[in-house]
Amino acid sequence: MLGLAHIFLGPPILADGYKYEEYASELPVVSALAFDGGGDLYATLEESHEQGRLVLIRDGHQSEILGH
């Protein structure tokens, strides 16, 4: 759904007073993001044929935790 919003409405725009931080780039089809208690970021990446991966994102690098 958010993908369609991006297509029809353009990229998101931050309201005054908000800021963002980019943790990683060039991640294909992210379906979920979560921080653990230590502050590490995890992402699930959806792929074709019901395949996917769970990756740990730390210092701009990703390490595969689960997947093919």
Protein backbone atom coordinates (compact mmCIF):
# COMPACT_ATOMS: atom_id res chain seq x y z
CA MET A 1 0.00 0.00 0.00
CA LEU A 2 2.79 2.44 0.84
CA GLY A 3 4.39 1.65 -2.51
CA LEU A 4 1.26 2.86 -4.28
CA ALA A 5 1.19 6.01 -2.18
CA HIS A 6 4.78 6.71 -3.23
CA ILE A 7 3.86 6.25 -6.91
CA PHE A 8 0.79 8.49 -6.81
CA LEU A 9 1.81 11.05 -4.19
CA GLY A 10 5.59 11.18 -4.57
CA PRO A 11 8.25 10.64 -1.93
CA PRO A 12 7.43 11.34 1.71
CA ILE A 13 8.08 14.86 2.99
CA LEU A 14 9.06 15.54 6.60
CA ALA A 15 7.08 18.07 8.58
CA ASP A 16 8.93 21.00 10.13
CA GLY A 17 10.92 19.95 13.18
CA TYR A 18 11.26 16.29 12.15
CA LYS A 19 14.45 14.64 10.98
CA TYR A 20 15.39 11.20 9.69
CA GLU A 21 18.44 8.99 9.72
CA GLU A 22 19.31 6.52 6.97
CA TYR A 23 20.50 3.22 8.41
CA ALA A 24 20.96 1.39 5.10
CA SER A 25 20.23 1.87 1.43
CA GLU A 26 19.49 -0.34 -1.53
CA LEU A 27 17.43 -2.87 0.41
CA PRO A 28 14.95 -4.65 -1.85
CA VAL A 29 11.29 -4.71 -0.77
CA VAL A 30 11.46 -4.23 2.99
CA SER A 31 8.32 -5.60 4.64
CA ALA A 32 9.08 -4.91 8.31
CA LEU A 33 11.62 -3.13 10.51
CA ALA A 34 12.33 -3.64 14.22
CA PHE A 35 14.90 -2.49 16.75
CA ASP A 36 16.05 -4.91 19.44
CA GLY A 37 16.78 -3.98 23.07
CA GLY A 38 20.41 -3.20 22.20
CA GLY A 39 19.50 -0.76 19.42
CA ASP A 40 20.31 -3.03 16.46
CA LEU A 41 17.95 -2.79 13.48
CA TYR A 42 16.46 -5.86 11.80
CA ALA A 43 14.57 -5.97 8.51
CA THR A 44 12.59 -8.63 6.72
CA LEU A 45 13.06 -8.56 2.95
CA GLU A 46 10.34 -10.09 0.77
CA GLU A 47 11.41 -11.93 -2.36
CA SER A 48 9.59 -13.86 -5.09
CA HIS A 49 8.02 -17.31 -4.61
CA GLU A 50 7.31 -16.70 -0.91
CA GLN A 51 11.02 -16.51 -0.14
CA GLY A 52 12.46 -13.88 2.12
CA ARG A 53 15.32 -12.97 4.38
CA LEU A 54 15.86 -11.56 7.84
CA VAL A 55 18.85 -9.24 7.98
CA LEU A 56 20.64 -7.38 10.74
CA ILE A 57 21.59 -3.81 9.77
CA ARG A 58 24.54 -2.42 11.70
CA ASP A 59 26.76 0.52 10.71
CA GLY A 60 25.23 0.62 7.23
CA HIS A 61 26.06 -3.03 6.52
CA GLN A 62 23.65 -5.93 6.43
CA SER A 63 24.22 -9.48 7.67
CA GLU A 64 21.80 -12.25 6.78
CA ILE A 65 20.31 -13.96 9.84
CA LEU A 66 17.72 -16.22 8.14
CA GLY A 67 17.06 -16.94 4.49
CA HIS A 68 18.52 -18.76 1.53
